[in-house]
């Protein structure tokens, strides 16, 4: 199992949103799954646009990226649940 806690960037279209990520990864059979939560101070328009975008990615300080599905844990909180699959980018 792999874990990551630290800074990251959510990328959706032209928007880039700085976040603090807490993520973990596991292998379930042949499928690699990873996810967790991200926190941002931006609970406004940029965050909503990121969720509405069909292509949301998370980028790490070393340049690695992975596609994620992001959902609010509480509207207006700036905290999102994220989940990805495939190659673990951290």
PDB file of N, CA and C in Angstrom:
ATOM      1  N   UNK A   1       0.846  -1.174   0.000  1.00  0.00           N
ATOM      2  CA  UNK A   1       0.000   0.000   0.000  1.00  0.00           C
ATOM      3  C   UNK A   1       0.894   1.241   0.000  1.00  0.00           C
ATOM      4  N   UNK A   2       0.457   2.242  -0.725  1.00  0.00           N
ATOM      5  CA  UNK A   2       1.203   3.487  -0.848  1.00  0.00           C
ATOM      6  C   UNK A   2       0.346   4.638  -0.323  1.00  0.00           C
ATOM      7  N   UNK A   3       0.980   5.612   0.290  1.00  0.00           N
ATOM      8  CA  UNK A   3       0.258   6.763   0.841  1.00  0.00           C
ATOM      9  C   UNK A   3       0.916   8.057   0.386  1.00  0.00           C
ATOM     10  N   UNK A   4       0.112   9.122   0.328  1.00  0.00           N
ATOM     11  CA  UNK A   4       0.634  10.452   0.031  1.00  0.00           C
ATOM     12  C   UNK A   4      -0.133  11.454   0.868  1.00  0.00           C
ATOM     13  N   UNK A   5       0.592  12.356   1.498  1.00  0.00           N
ATOM     14  CA  UNK A   5      -0.022  13.480   2.199  1.00  0.00           C
ATOM     15  C   UNK A   5       0.835  14.693   1.912  1.00  0.00           C
ATOM     16  N   UNK A   6       0.218  15.713   1.282  1.00  0.00           N
ATOM     17  CA  UNK A   6       0.966  16.919   0.966  1.00  0.00           C
ATOM     18  C   UNK A   6       0.282  17.730  -0.109  1.00  0.00           C
ATOM     19  N   UNK A   7       1.012  18.682  -0.676  1.00  0.00           N
ATOM     20  CA  UNK A   7       0.428  19.576  -1.667  1.00  0.00           C
ATOM     21  C   UNK A   7       0.204  18.883  -3.005  1.00  0.00           C
ATOM     22  N   UNK A   8      -0.805  19.347  -3.724  1.00  0.00           N
ATOM     23  CA  UNK A   8      -1.111  18.865  -5.069  1.00  0.00           C
ATOM     24  C   UNK A   8      -1.929  19.954  -5.763  1.00  0.00           C
ATOM     25  N   UNK A   9      -2.231  19.724  -7.020  1.00  0.00           N
ATOM     26  CA  UNK A   9      -3.031  20.663  -7.797  1.00  0.00           C
ATOM     27  C   UNK A   9      -4.116  19.909  -8.524  1.00  0.00           C
ATOM     28  N   UNK A  10      -5.371  20.349  -8.381  1.00  0.00           N
ATOM     29  CA  UNK A  10      -6.449  19.811  -9.213  1.00  0.00           C
ATOM     30  C   UNK A  10      -6.440  20.602 -10.509  1.00  0.00           C
ATOM     31  N   UNK A  11      -6.473  19.898 -11.635  1.00  0.00           N
ATOM     32  CA  UNK A  11      -6.462  20.528 -12.949  1.00  0.00           C
ATOM     33  C   UNK A  11      -7.743  20.121 -13.665  1.00  0.00           C
ATOM     34  N   UNK A  12      -8.510  21.145 -14.092  1.00  0.00           N
ATOM     35  CA  UNK A  12      -9.758  20.908 -14.819  1.00  0.00           C
ATOM     36  C   UNK A  12      -9.876  21.977 -15.897  1.00  0.00           C
ATOM     37  N   UNK A  13      -9.693  21.575 -17.149  1.00  0.00           N
ATOM     38  CA  UNK A  13      -9.717  22.559 -18.221  1.00  0.00           C
ATOM     39  C   UNK A  13      -8.618  23.577 -18.003  1.00  0.00           C
ATOM     40  N   UNK A  14      -8.977  24.862 -17.971  1.00  0.00           N
ATOM     41  CA  UNK A  14      -8.011  25.938 -17.762  1.00  0.00           C
ATOM     42  C   UNK A  14      -7.796  26.261 -16.285  1.00  0.00           C
ATOM     43  N   UNK A  15      -8.542  25.611 -15.401  1.00  0.00           N
ATOM     44  CA  UNK A  15      -8.448  25.896 -13.967  1.00  0.00           C
ATOM     45  C   UNK A  15      -7.417  25.015 -13.287  1.00  0.00           C
ATOM     46  N   UNK A  16      -6.617  25.619 -12.420  1.00  0.00           N
ATOM     47  CA  UNK A  16      -5.695  24.888 -11.562  1.00  0.00           C
ATOM     48  C   UNK A  16      -5.951  25.348 -10.136  1.00  0.00           C
ATOM     49  N   UNK A  17      -6.242  24.396  -9.253  1.00  0.00           N
ATOM     50  CA  UNK A  17      -6.626  24.709  -7.888  1.00  0.00           C
ATOM     51  C   UNK A  17      -5.658  24.015  -6.939  1.00  0.00           C
ATOM     52  N   UNK A  18      -4.966  24.805  -6.121  1.00  0.00           N
ATOM     53  CA  UNK A  18      -4.041  24.248  -5.132  1.00  0.00           C
ATOM     54  C   UNK A  18      -4.837  23.529  -4.046  1.00  0.00           C
ATOM     55  N   UNK A  19      -4.389  22.327  -3.696  1.00  0.00           N
ATOM     56  CA  UNK A  19      -5.059  21.534  -2.668  1.00  0.00           C
ATOM     57  C   UNK A  19      -4.026  20.894  -1.751  1.00  0.00           C
ATOM     58  N   UNK A  20      -4.485  20.444  -0.612  1.00  0.00           N
ATOM     59  CA  UNK A  20      -3.710  19.612   0.303  1.00  0.00           C
ATOM     60  C   UNK A  20      -4.351  18.232   0.221  1.00  0.00           C
ATOM     61  N   UNK A  21      -3.575  17.226  -0.180  1.00  0.00           N
ATOM     62  CA  UNK A  21      -4.120  15.899  -0.453  1.00  0.00           C
ATOM     63  C   UNK A  21      -3.735  14.888   0.622  1.00  0.00           C
ATOM     64  N   UNK A  22      -4.667  13.996   0.930  1.00  0.00           N
ATOM     65  CA  UNK A  22      -4.420  12.838   1.778  1.00  0.00           C
ATOM     66  C   UNK A  22      -4.947  11.639   1.013  1.00  0.00           C
ATOM     67  N   UNK A  23      -4.034  10.830   0.459  1.00  0.00           N
ATOM     68  CA  UNK A  23      -4.403   9.756  -0.454  1.00  0.00           C
ATOM     69  C   UNK A  23      -3.748   8.446  -0.056  1.00  0.00           C
ATOM     70  N   UNK A  24      -4.387   7.358  -0.437  1.00  0.00           N
ATOM     71  CA  UNK A  24      -3.799   6.038  -0.250  1.00  0.00           C
ATOM     72  C   UNK A  24      -4.138   5.185  -1.467  1.00  0.00           C
ATOM     73  N   UNK A  25      -3.362   4.133  -1.653  1.00  0.00           N
ATOM     74  CA  UNK A  25      -3.540   3.253  -2.802  1.00  0.00           C
ATOM     75  C   UNK A  25      -3.522   1.810  -2.346  1.00  0.00           C
ATOM     76  N   UNK A  26      -4.234   0.967  -3.098  1.00  0.00           N
ATOM     77  CA  UNK A  26      -4.244  -0.458  -2.796  1.00  0.00           C
ATOM     78  C   UNK A  26      -4.421  -1.243  -4.078  1.00  0.00           C
ATOM     79  N   UNK A  27      -4.133  -2.517  -4.008  1.00  0.00           N
ATOM     80  CA  UNK A  27      -4.297  -3.418  -5.131  1.00  0.00           C
ATOM     81  C   UNK A  27      -5.406  -4.385  -4.766  1.00  0.00           C
ATOM     82  N   UNK A  28      -6.466  -4.405  -5.583  1.00  0.00           N
ATOM     83  CA  UNK A  28      -7.594  -5.310  -5.364  1.00  0.00           C
ATOM     84  C   UNK A  28      -7.642  -6.261  -6.552  1.00  0.00           C
ATOM     85  N   UNK A  29      -7.100  -7.461  -6.365  1.00  0.00           N
ATOM     86  CA  UNK A  29      -6.973  -8.371  -7.499  1.00  0.00           C
ATOM     87  C   UNK A  29      -5.970  -7.786  -8.480  1.00  0.00           C
ATOM     88  N   UNK A  30      -6.393  -7.566  -9.704  1.00  0.00           N
ATOM     89  CA  UNK A  30      -5.530  -6.975 -10.729  1.00  0.00           C
ATOM     90  C   UNK A  30      -5.740  -5.477 -10.864  1.00  0.00           C
ATOM     91  N   UNK A  31      -6.657  -4.907 -10.083  1.00  0.00           N
ATOM     92  CA  UNK A  31      -7.020  -3.497 -10.224  1.00  0.00           C
ATOM     93  C   UNK A  31      -6.333  -2.657  -9.148  1.00  0.00           C
ATOM     94  N   UNK A  32      -5.611  -1.638  -9.589  1.00  0.00           N
ATOM     95  CA  UNK A  32      -5.021  -0.681  -8.660  1.00  0.00           C
ATOM     96  C   UNK A  32      -6.050   0.413  -8.413  1.00  0.00           C
ATOM     97  N   UNK A  33      -6.329   0.662  -7.151  1.00  0.00           N
ATOM     98  CA  UNK A  33      -7.271   1.708  -6.778  1.00  0.00           C
ATOM     99  C   UNK A  33      -6.567   2.685  -5.854  1.00  0.00           C
ATOM    100  N   UNK A  34      -6.896   3.958  -6.002  1.00  0.00           N
ATOM    101  CA  UNK A  34      -6.316   4.949  -5.119  1.00  0.00           C
ATOM    102  C   UNK A  34      -7.304   6.087  -4.962  1.00  0.00           C
ATOM    103  N   UNK A  35      -7.188   6.778  -3.851  1.00  0.00           N
ATOM    104  CA  UNK A  35      -8.084   7.895  -3.608  1.00  0.00           C
ATOM    105  C   UNK A  35      -7.952   8.381  -2.183  1.00  0.00           C
ATOM    106  N   UNK A  36      -8.838   9.287  -1.828  1.00  0.00           N
ATOM    107  CA  UNK A  36      -8.831   9.871  -0.500  1.00  0.00           C
ATOM    108  C   UNK A  36      -9.542  11.200  -0.530  1.00  0.00           C
ATOM    109  N   UNK A  37      -8.922  12.210   0.053  1.00  0.00           N
ATOM    110  CA  UNK A  37      -9.563  13.523   0.090  1.00  0.00           C
ATOM    111  C   UNK A  37      -8.557  14.614  -0.232  1.00  0.00           C
ATOM    112  N   UNK A  38      -9.095  15.730  -0.714  1.00  0.00           N
ATOM    113  CA  UNK A  38      -8.300  16.933  -0.923  1.00  0.00           C
ATOM    114  C   UNK A  38      -9.042  18.090  -0.281  1.00  0.00           C
ATOM    115  N   UNK A  39      -8.274  19.040   0.210  1.00  0.00           N
ATOM    116  CA  UNK A  39      -8.848  20.224   0.862  1.00  0.00           C
ATOM    117  C   UNK A  39      -8.307  21.455   0.156  1.00  0.00           C
ATOM    118  N   UNK A  40      -9.195  22.388  -0.130  1.00  0.00           N
ATOM    119  CA  UNK A  40      -8.797  23.644  -0.744  1.00  0.00           C
ATOM    120  C   UNK A  40      -9.482  24.792  -0.033  1.00  0.00           C
ATOM    121  N   UNK A  41      -8.863  25.939  -0.062  1.00  0.00           N
ATOM    122  CA  UNK A  41      -9.489  27.131   0.502  1.00  0.00           C
ATOM    123  C   UNK A  41     -10.505  27.734  -0.450  1.00  0.00           C
ATOM    124  N   UNK A  42     -10.539  27.241  -1.699  1.00  0.00           N
ATOM    125  CA  UNK A  42     -11.440  27.771  -2.723  1.00  0.00           C
ATOM    126  C   UNK A  42     -12.704  26.930  -2.787  1.00  0.00           C
ATOM    127  N   UNK A  43     -13.755  27.402  -2.168  1.00  0.00           N
ATOM    128  CA  UNK A  43     -15.030  26.683  -2.213  1.00  0.00           C
ATOM    129  C   UNK A  43     -15.970  27.373  -3.193  1.00  0.00           C
ATOM    130  N   UNK A  44     -15.418  28.208  -4.091  1.00  0.00           N
ATOM    131  CA  UNK A  44     -16.231  29.016  -4.987  1.00  0.00           C
ATOM    132  C   UNK A  44     -16.318  28.476  -6.395  1.00  0.00           C
ATOM    133  N   UNK A  45     -16.340  29.407  -7.336  1.00  0.00           N
ATOM    134  CA  UNK A  45     -16.598  29.103  -8.739  1.00  0.00           C
ATOM    135  C   UNK A  45     -15.578  28.155  -9.363  1.00  0.00           C
ATOM    136  N   UNK A  46     -14.295  28.341  -9.075  1.00  0.00           N
ATOM    137  CA  UNK A  46     -13.273  27.477  -9.659  1.00  0.00           C
ATOM    138  C   UNK A  46     -13.464  26.028  -9.235  1.00  0.00           C
ATOM    139  N   UNK A  47     -13.840  25.821  -7.997  1.00  0.00           N
ATOM    140  CA  UNK A  47     -14.061  24.474  -7.498  1.00  0.00           C
ATOM    141  C   UNK A  47     -15.282  23.843  -8.161  1.00  0.00           C
ATOM    142  N   UNK A  48     -16.354  24.599  -8.297  1.00  0.00           N
ATOM    143  CA  UNK A  48     -17.546  24.076  -8.981  1.00  0.00           C
ATOM    144  C   UNK A  48     -17.228  23.733 -10.431  1.00  0.00           C
ATOM    145  N   UNK A  49     -16.466  24.581 -11.105  1.00  0.00           N
ATOM    146  CA  UNK A  49     -16.081  24.323 -12.493  1.00  0.00           C
ATOM    147  C   UNK A  49     -15.262  23.036 -12.595  1.00  0.00           C
ATOM    148  N   UNK A  50     -14.388  22.803 -11.617  1.00  0.00           N
ATOM    149  CA  UNK A  50     -13.579  21.587 -11.620  1.00  0.00           C
ATOM    150  C   UNK A  50     -14.459  20.351 -11.548  1.00  0.00           C
ATOM    151  N   UNK A  51     -15.475  20.407 -10.717  1.00  0.00           N
ATOM    152  CA  UNK A  51     -16.362  19.255 -10.573  1.00  0.00           C
ATOM    153  C   UNK A  51     -17.239  19.055 -11.798  1.00  0.00           C
ATOM    154  N   UNK A  52     -17.596  20.138 -12.476  1.00  0.00           N
ATOM    155  CA  UNK A  52     -18.443  20.037 -13.663  1.00  0.00           C
ATOM    156  C   UNK A  52     -17.669  19.582 -14.886  1.00  0.00           C
ATOM    157  N   UNK A  53     -16.356  19.726 -14.859  1.00  0.00           N
ATOM    158  CA  UNK A  53     -15.525  19.343 -15.989  1.00  0.00           C
ATOM    159  C   UNK A  53     -15.517  17.827 -16.143  1.00  0.00           C
ATOM    160  N   UNK A  54     -15.496  17.372 -17.379  1.00  0.00           N
ATOM    161  CA  UNK A  54     -15.429  15.929 -17.627  1.00  0.00           C
ATOM    162  C   UNK A  54     -14.036  15.376 -17.424  1.00  0.00           C
ATOM    163  N   UNK A  55     -13.027  16.233 -17.338  1.00  0.00           N
ATOM    164  CA  UNK A  55     -11.645  15.788 -17.239  1.00  0.00           C
ATOM    165  C   UNK A  55     -10.976  16.477 -16.058  1.00  0.00           C
ATOM    166  N   UNK A  56     -10.982  15.823 -14.901  1.00  0.00           N
ATOM    167  CA  UNK A  56     -10.331  16.364 -13.705  1.00  0.00           C
ATOM    168  C   UNK A  56      -9.110  15.496 -13.416  1.00  0.00           C
ATOM    169  N   UNK A  57      -7.971  16.145 -13.213  1.00  0.00           N
ATOM    170  CA  UNK A  57      -6.725  15.448 -12.921  1.00  0.00           C
ATOM    171  C   UNK A  57      -6.131  16.024 -11.648  1.00  0.00           C
ATOM    172  N   UNK A  58      -5.312  15.211 -11.004  1.00  0.00           N
ATOM    173  CA  UNK A  58      -4.553  15.702  -9.859  1.00  0.00           C
ATOM    174  C   UNK A  58      -3.081  15.630 -10.234  1.00  0.00           C
ATOM    175  N   UNK A  59      -2.365  16.723  -9.970  1.00  0.00           N
ATOM    176  CA  UNK A  59      -0.941  16.811 -10.296  1.00  0.00           C
ATOM    177  C   UNK A  59      -0.153  16.969  -8.999  1.00  0.00           C
ATOM    178  N   UNK A  60       0.939  16.224  -8.923  1.00  0.00           N
ATOM    179  CA  UNK A  60       1.791  16.240  -7.744  1.00  0.00           C
ATOM    180  C   UNK A  60       3.033  17.092  -7.998  1.00  0.00           C
ATOM    181  N   UNK A  61       3.724  17.534  -6.949  1.00  0.00           N
ATOM    182  CA  UNK A  61       4.882  18.414  -7.121  1.00  0.00           C
ATOM    183  C   UNK A  61       5.963  17.858  -8.050  1.00  0.00           C
ATOM    184  N   UNK A  62       6.075  16.541  -8.164  1.00  0.00           N
ATOM    185  CA  UNK A  62       7.095  15.954  -9.040  1.00  0.00           C
ATOM    186  C   UNK A  62       6.639  15.877 -10.493  1.00  0.00           C
ATOM    187  N   UNK A  63       5.413  16.381 -10.797  1.00  0.00           N
ATOM    188  CA  UNK A  63       4.904  16.387 -12.165  1.00  0.00           C
ATOM    189  C   UNK A  63       4.023  15.206 -12.518  1.00  0.00           C
ATOM    190  N   UNK A  64       4.000  14.181 -11.681  1.00  0.00           N
ATOM    191  CA  UNK A  64       3.130  13.034 -11.935  1.00  0.00           C
ATOM    192  C   UNK A  64       1.677  13.483 -11.877  1.00  0.00           C
ATOM    193  N   UNK A  65       0.816  12.871 -12.709  1.00  0.00           N
ATOM    194  CA  UNK A  65      -0.607  13.200 -12.740  1.00  0.00           C
ATOM    195  C   UNK A  65      -1.437  11.929 -12.827  1.00  0.00           C
ATOM    196  N   UNK A  66      -2.687  12.046 -12.406  1.00  0.00           N
ATOM    197  CA  UNK A  66      -3.641  10.967 -12.565  1.00  0.00           C
ATOM    198  C   UNK A  66      -5.046  11.527 -12.679  1.00  0.00           C
ATOM    199  N   UNK A  67      -5.882  10.856 -13.468  1.00  0.00           N
ATOM    200  CA  UNK A  67      -7.276  11.262 -13.613  1.00  0.00           C
ATOM    201  C   UNK A  67      -8.042  10.868 -12.356  1.00  0.00           C
ATOM    202  N   UNK A  68      -8.956  11.738 -11.920  1.00  0.00           N
ATOM    203  CA  UNK A  68      -9.759  11.462 -10.728  1.00  0.00           C
ATOM    204  C   UNK A  68     -11.223  11.807 -10.985  1.00  0.00           C
ATOM    205  N   UNK A  69     -12.068  11.197 -10.187  1.00  0.00           N
ATOM    206  CA  UNK A  69     -13.459  11.595 -10.053  1.00  0.00           C
ATOM    207  C   UNK A  69     -13.527  12.304  -8.709  1.00  0.00           C
ATOM    208  N   UNK A  70     -14.032  13.547  -8.712  1.00  0.00           N
ATOM    209  CA  UNK A  70     -14.065  14.351  -7.489  1.00  0.00           C
ATOM    210  C   UNK A  70     -15.508  14.661  -7.119  1.00  0.00           C
ATOM    211  N   UNK A  71     -15.835  14.486  -5.838  1.00  0.00           N
ATOM    212  CA  UNK A  71     -17.173  14.800  -5.342  1.00  0.00           C
ATOM    213  C   UNK A  71     -17.052  15.538  -4.013  1.00  0.00           C
ATOM    214  N   UNK A  72     -17.990  16.447  -3.767  1.00  0.00           N
ATOM    215  CA  UNK A  72     -17.999  17.185  -2.498  1.00  0.00           C
ATOM    216  C   UNK A  72     -18.282  16.243  -1.336  1.00  0.00           C
ATOM    217  N   UNK A  73     -17.628  16.461  -0.216  1.00  0.00           N
ATOM    218  CA  UNK A  73     -18.012  15.761   1.009  1.00  0.00           C
ATOM    219  C   UNK A  73     -19.059  16.579   1.750  1.00  0.00           C
ATOM    220  N   UNK A  74     -18.977  17.900   1.631  1.00  0.00           N
ATOM    221  CA  UNK A  74     -19.979  18.806   2.202  1.00  0.00           C
ATOM    222  C   UNK A  74     -19.957  20.076   1.358  1.00  0.00           C
ATOM    223  N   UNK A  75     -21.074  20.421   0.764  1.00  0.00           N
ATOM    224  CA  UNK A  75     -21.150  21.586  -0.110  1.00  0.00           C
ATOM    225  C   UNK A  75     -20.623  22.820   0.617  1.00  0.00           C
ATOM    226  N   UNK A  76     -19.742  23.544  -0.050  1.00  0.00           N
ATOM    227  CA  UNK A  76     -19.195  24.768   0.515  1.00  0.00           C
ATOM    228  C   UNK A  76     -18.020  24.578   1.451  1.00  0.00           C
ATOM    229  N   UNK A  77     -17.607  23.324   1.689  1.00  0.00           N
ATOM    230  CA  UNK A  77     -16.532  23.076   2.647  1.00  0.00           C
ATOM    231  C   UNK A  77     -15.141  23.188   2.032  1.00  0.00           C
ATOM    232  N   UNK A  78     -15.037  23.053   0.729  1.00  0.00           N
ATOM    233  CA  UNK A  78     -13.730  23.030   0.098  1.00  0.00           C
ATOM    234  C   UNK A  78     -13.042  21.680   0.207  1.00  0.00           C
ATOM    235  N   UNK A  79     -13.712  20.689   0.793  1.00  0.00           N
ATOM    236  CA  UNK A  79     -13.166  19.330   0.898  1.00  0.00           C
ATOM    237  C   UNK A  79     -13.846  18.459  -0.150  1.00  0.00           C
ATOM    238  N   UNK A  80     -13.014  17.699  -0.864  1.00  0.00           N
ATOM    239  CA  UNK A  80     -13.511  16.799  -1.902  1.00  0.00           C
ATOM    240  C   UNK A  80     -13.009  15.388  -1.651  1.00  0.00           C
ATOM    241  N   UNK A  81     -13.832  14.413  -1.994  1.00  0.00           N
ATOM    242  CA  UNK A  81     -13.388  13.024  -2.077  1.00  0.00           C
ATOM    243  C   UNK A  81     -12.909  12.829  -3.503  1.00  0.00           C
ATOM    244  N   UNK A  82     -11.797  12.166  -3.683  1.00  0.00           N
ATOM    245  CA  UNK A  82     -11.307  11.866  -5.009  1.00  0.00           C
ATOM    246  C   UNK A  82     -11.017  10.377  -5.109  1.00  0.00           C
ATOM    247  N   UNK A  83     -11.252   9.829  -6.293  1.00  0.00           N
ATOM    248  CA  UNK A  83     -10.913   8.427  -6.523  1.00  0.00           C
ATOM    249  C   UNK A  83     -10.342   8.285  -7.930  1.00  0.00           C
ATOM    250  N   UNK A  84      -9.358   7.435  -8.053  1.00  0.00           N
ATOM    251  CA  UNK A  84      -8.725   7.165  -9.334  1.00  0.00           C
ATOM    252  C   UNK A  84      -8.452   5.690  -9.448  1.00  0.00           C
ATOM    253  N   UNK A  85      -8.052   5.261 -10.639  1.00  0.00           N
ATOM    254  CA  UNK A  85      -7.672   3.873 -10.839  1.00  0.00           C
ATOM    255  C   UNK A  85      -6.534   3.847 -11.835  1.00  0.00           C
ATOM    256  N   UNK A  86      -5.904   2.701 -11.946  1.00  0.00           N
ATOM    257  CA  UNK A  86      -4.763   2.605 -12.859  1.00  0.00           C
ATOM    258  C   UNK A  86      -3.470   2.932 -12.140  1.00  0.00           C
ATOM    259  N   UNK A  87      -2.514   3.416 -12.899  1.00  0.00           N
ATOM    260  CA  UNK A  87      -1.191   3.701 -12.352  1.00  0.00           C
ATOM    261  C   UNK A  87      -1.281   4.712 -11.219  1.00  0.00           C
ATOM    262  N   UNK A  88      -0.654   4.382 -10.117  1.00  0.00           N
ATOM    263  CA  UNK A  88      -0.667   5.253  -8.934  1.00  0.00           C
ATOM    264  C   UNK A  88       0.335   6.378  -9.177  1.00  0.00           C
ATOM    265  N   UNK A  89      -0.128   7.649  -9.177  1.00  0.00           N
ATOM    266  CA  UNK A  89       0.760   8.757  -9.536  1.00  0.00           C
ATOM    267  C   UNK A  89       1.565   9.347  -8.383  1.00  0.00           C
ATOM    268  N   UNK A  90       1.564   8.699  -7.238  1.00  0.00           N
ATOM    269  CA  UNK A  90       2.323   9.238  -6.102  1.00  0.00           C
ATOM    270  C   UNK A  90       3.162   8.158  -5.465  1.00  0.00           C
TER     271      UNK A  90
END
